């Protein structure tokens, strides 16, 4: 007989979960049926957000929708979203300053 790693209850030698507290006994067994999440989407969102692109904003919103509340990977989505919002804020401030100084920015866009 073995004992639960969490509560000390006596369990079968090959038991994967404790019958009393439900704790996983095998380190490879998923806890509460949770799957390991990949953080690739959040990392890609941060990279594109740092480049100041619309892709970063879209990926950050997608990662916020995909990851569950409280997930460490959801934080990556919030970071990417924050970076995109910072880029937007910078663009707005620069536009206001240019307008206040009377600088014609049409030359930057090919005279559109």
C-alpha atoms as a PDB file:
ATOM      1  CA  UNK A   1       0.000   0.000   0.000  1.00  0.00           C
ATOM      2  CA  UNK A   2       1.072   3.568  -0.727  1.00  0.00           C
ATOM      3  CA  UNK A   3       0.042   6.898   0.711  1.00  0.00           C
ATOM      4  CA  UNK A   4      -1.368  10.017  -0.984  1.00  0.00           C
ATOM      5  CA  UNK A   5       1.228  12.702  -1.637  1.00  0.00           C
ATOM      6  CA  UNK A   6      -1.325  15.374  -0.708  1.00  0.00           C
ATOM      7  CA  UNK A   7      -3.386  14.165   2.268  1.00  0.00           C
ATOM      8  CA  UNK A   8      -1.567  11.015   3.431  1.00  0.00           C
ATOM      9  CA  UNK A   9      -4.580   8.738   2.871  1.00  0.00           C
ATOM     10  CA  UNK A  10      -3.763   5.096   2.189  1.00  0.00           C
ATOM     11  CA  UNK A  11      -4.168   4.309  -1.535  1.00  0.00           C
ATOM     12  CA  UNK A  12      -3.414   1.433  -3.922  1.00  0.00           C
ATOM     13  CA  UNK A  13       0.166   1.183  -5.179  1.00  0.00           C
ATOM     14  CA  UNK A  14      -0.822   1.876  -8.790  1.00  0.00           C
ATOM     15  CA  UNK A  15      -3.494   4.523  -8.062  1.00  0.00           C
ATOM     16  CA  UNK A  16      -3.259   7.623 -10.212  1.00  0.00           C
ATOM     17  CA  UNK A  17      -5.548   9.699  -7.985  1.00  0.00           C
ATOM     18  CA  UNK A  18      -6.358   9.733  -4.290  1.00  0.00           C
ATOM     19  CA  UNK A  19      -9.867   8.497  -3.510  1.00  0.00           C
ATOM     20  CA  UNK A  20     -10.173  10.927  -0.597  1.00  0.00           C
ATOM     21  CA  UNK A  21      -8.820  14.272  -1.886  1.00  0.00           C
ATOM     22  CA  UNK A  22      -8.586  13.570  -5.634  1.00  0.00           C
ATOM     23  CA  UNK A  23      -4.936  14.642  -5.912  1.00  0.00           C
ATOM     24  CA  UNK A  24      -2.917  13.195  -8.806  1.00  0.00           C
ATOM     25  CA  UNK A  25      -0.298  10.708  -7.619  1.00  0.00           C
ATOM     26  CA  UNK A  26       1.578  10.324 -10.887  1.00  0.00           C
ATOM     27  CA  UNK A  27       3.468  13.489 -11.869  1.00  0.00           C
ATOM     28  CA  UNK A  28       2.649  12.789 -15.544  1.00  0.00           C
ATOM     29  CA  UNK A  29      -1.122  12.639 -14.945  1.00  0.00           C
ATOM     30  CA  UNK A  30      -3.039  15.833 -15.745  1.00  0.00           C
ATOM     31  CA  UNK A  31      -4.574  17.509 -12.707  1.00  0.00           C
ATOM     32  CA  UNK A  32      -8.376  17.849 -12.957  1.00  0.00           C
ATOM     33  CA  UNK A  33      -8.203  16.815 -16.625  1.00  0.00           C
ATOM     34  CA  UNK A  34      -6.346  20.003 -17.524  1.00  0.00           C
ATOM     35  CA  UNK A  35      -4.301  20.033 -20.698  1.00  0.00           C
ATOM     36  CA  UNK A  36      -0.973  21.756 -20.938  1.00  0.00           C
ATOM     37  CA  UNK A  37      -1.438  24.967 -22.913  1.00  0.00           C
ATOM     38  CA  UNK A  38       1.036  26.147 -25.480  1.00  0.00           C
ATOM     39  CA  UNK A  39       2.162  29.720 -25.027  1.00  0.00           C
ATOM     40  CA  UNK A  40       3.127  30.106 -28.698  1.00  0.00           C
ATOM     41  CA  UNK A  41       0.096  32.255 -29.562  1.00  0.00           C
ATOM     42  CA  UNK A  42       0.810  34.691 -26.733  1.00  0.00           C
ATOM     43  CA  UNK A  43       4.490  34.927 -27.601  1.00  0.00           C
ATOM     44  CA  UNK A  44       3.749  35.560 -31.291  1.00  0.00           C
ATOM     45  CA  UNK A  45       1.210  38.213 -30.253  1.00  0.00           C
ATOM     46  CA  UNK A  46       3.855  39.964 -28.151  1.00  0.00           C
ATOM     47  CA  UNK A  47       6.384  39.878 -31.007  1.00  0.00           C
ATOM     48  CA  UNK A  48       3.933  41.386 -33.497  1.00  0.00           C
ATOM     49  CA  UNK A  49       2.713  43.880 -30.902  1.00  0.00           C
ATOM     50  CA  UNK A  50       6.286  45.098 -30.371  1.00  0.00           C
ATOM     51  CA  UNK A  51       6.553  45.657 -34.110  1.00  0.00           C
ATOM     52  CA  UNK A  52       3.494  47.890 -33.853  1.00  0.00           C
ATOM     53  CA  UNK A  53       1.339  45.973 -36.257  1.00  0.00           C
ATOM     54  CA  UNK A  54      -2.354  45.333 -36.452  1.00  0.00           C
ATOM     55  CA  UNK A  55      -1.523  41.621 -36.454  1.00  0.00           C
ATOM     56  CA  UNK A  56      -0.286  41.931 -32.867  1.00  0.00           C
ATOM     57  CA  UNK A  57      -3.545  43.536 -31.797  1.00  0.00           C
ATOM     58  CA  UNK A  58      -5.600  40.808 -33.479  1.00  0.00           C
ATOM     59  CA  UNK A  59      -3.461  37.999 -32.041  1.00  0.00           C
ATOM     60  CA  UNK A  60      -3.605  39.505 -28.551  1.00  0.00           C
ATOM     61  CA  UNK A  61      -7.401  39.655 -28.691  1.00  0.00           C
ATOM     62  CA  UNK A  62      -7.530  36.072 -30.005  1.00  0.00           C
ATOM     63  CA  UNK A  63      -5.257  34.858 -27.197  1.00  0.00           C
ATOM     64  CA  UNK A  64      -7.436  36.623 -24.621  1.00  0.00           C
ATOM     65  CA  UNK A  65     -10.430  34.735 -26.011  1.00  0.00           C
ATOM     66  CA  UNK A  66      -8.657  31.366 -26.273  1.00  0.00           C
ATOM     67  CA  UNK A  67      -7.002  31.072 -22.876  1.00  0.00           C
ATOM     68  CA  UNK A  68      -9.019  30.452 -19.722  1.00  0.00           C
ATOM     69  CA  UNK A  69      -9.333  33.005 -16.934  1.00  0.00           C
ATOM     70  CA  UNK A  70      -6.355  32.734 -14.586  1.00  0.00           C
ATOM     71  CA  UNK A  71      -4.148  30.955 -17.120  1.00  0.00           C
ATOM     72  CA  UNK A  72      -0.501  32.094 -17.121  1.00  0.00           C
ATOM     73  CA  UNK A  73      -0.696  32.152 -20.925  1.00  0.00           C
ATOM     74  CA  UNK A  74      -3.601  34.616 -20.782  1.00  0.00           C
ATOM     75  CA  UNK A  75      -1.160  37.105 -19.255  1.00  0.00           C
ATOM     76  CA  UNK A  76       0.801  37.004 -22.512  1.00  0.00           C
ATOM     77  CA  UNK A  77      -2.330  38.117 -24.345  1.00  0.00           C
ATOM     78  CA  UNK A  78      -2.776  41.027 -21.924  1.00  0.00           C
ATOM     79  CA  UNK A  79       0.877  42.009 -22.365  1.00  0.00           C
ATOM     80  CA  UNK A  80       0.523  42.010 -26.161  1.00  0.00           C
ATOM     81  CA  UNK A  81      -2.748  43.945 -25.912  1.00  0.00           C
ATOM     82  CA  UNK A  82      -1.078  46.520 -23.647  1.00  0.00           C
ATOM     83  CA  UNK A  83       1.825  46.950 -26.064  1.00  0.00           C
ATOM     84  CA  UNK A  84      -0.605  47.495 -28.963  1.00  0.00           C
ATOM     85  CA  UNK A  85      -2.558  50.041 -26.942  1.00  0.00           C
ATOM     86  CA  UNK A  86       0.710  51.833 -26.144  1.00  0.00           C
ATOM     87  CA  UNK A  87       1.509  52.029 -29.885  1.00  0.00           C
ATOM     88  CA  UNK A  88      -1.959  53.431 -30.570  1.00  0.00           C
ATOM     89  CA  UNK A  89      -1.556  55.990 -27.780  1.00  0.00           C
ATOM     90  CA  UNK A  90       1.824  57.054 -29.168  1.00  0.00           C
ATOM     91  CA  UNK A  91       0.324  57.444 -32.667  1.00  0.00           C
ATOM     92  CA  UNK A  92      -2.510  59.586 -31.300  1.00  0.00           C
ATOM     93  CA  UNK A  93      -0.135  61.809 -29.313  1.00  0.00           C
ATOM     94  CA  UNK A  94       2.193  62.251 -32.288  1.00  0.00           C
ATOM     95  CA  UNK A  95      -0.778  63.127 -34.526  1.00  0.00           C
ATOM     96  CA  UNK A  96      -2.016  65.706 -32.017  1.00  0.00           C
ATOM     97  CA  UNK A  97       1.441  67.258 -31.709  1.00  0.00           C
ATOM     98  CA  UNK A  98       1.828  67.406 -35.500  1.00  0.00           C
ATOM     99  CA  UNK A  99      -1.608  69.012 -35.824  1.00  0.00           C
ATOM    100  CA  UNK A 100      -0.815  71.534 -33.071  1.00  0.00           C
ATOM    101  CA  UNK A 101       2.465  72.476 -34.739  1.00  0.00           C
ATOM    102  CA  UNK A 102       0.840  72.696 -38.159  1.00  0.00           C
ATOM    103  CA  UNK A 103       3.073  70.050 -39.714  1.00  0.00           C
ATOM    104  CA  UNK A 104       1.650  68.656 -42.958  1.00  0.00           C
ATOM    105  CA  UNK A 105       1.909  64.886 -42.640  1.00  0.00           C
ATOM    106  CA  UNK A 106       0.484  64.184 -46.080  1.00  0.00           C
ATOM    107  CA  UNK A 107       4.018  64.113 -47.473  1.00  0.00           C
ATOM    108  CA  UNK A 108       4.680  60.993 -45.358  1.00  0.00           C
ATOM    109  CA  UNK A 109       1.831  59.205 -47.112  1.00  0.00           C
ATOM    110  CA  UNK A 110       2.722  60.138 -50.669  1.00  0.00           C
ATOM    111  CA  UNK A 111       0.431  63.190 -50.846  1.00  0.00           C
ATOM    112  CA  UNK A 112      -2.799  61.220 -50.462  1.00  0.00           C
END
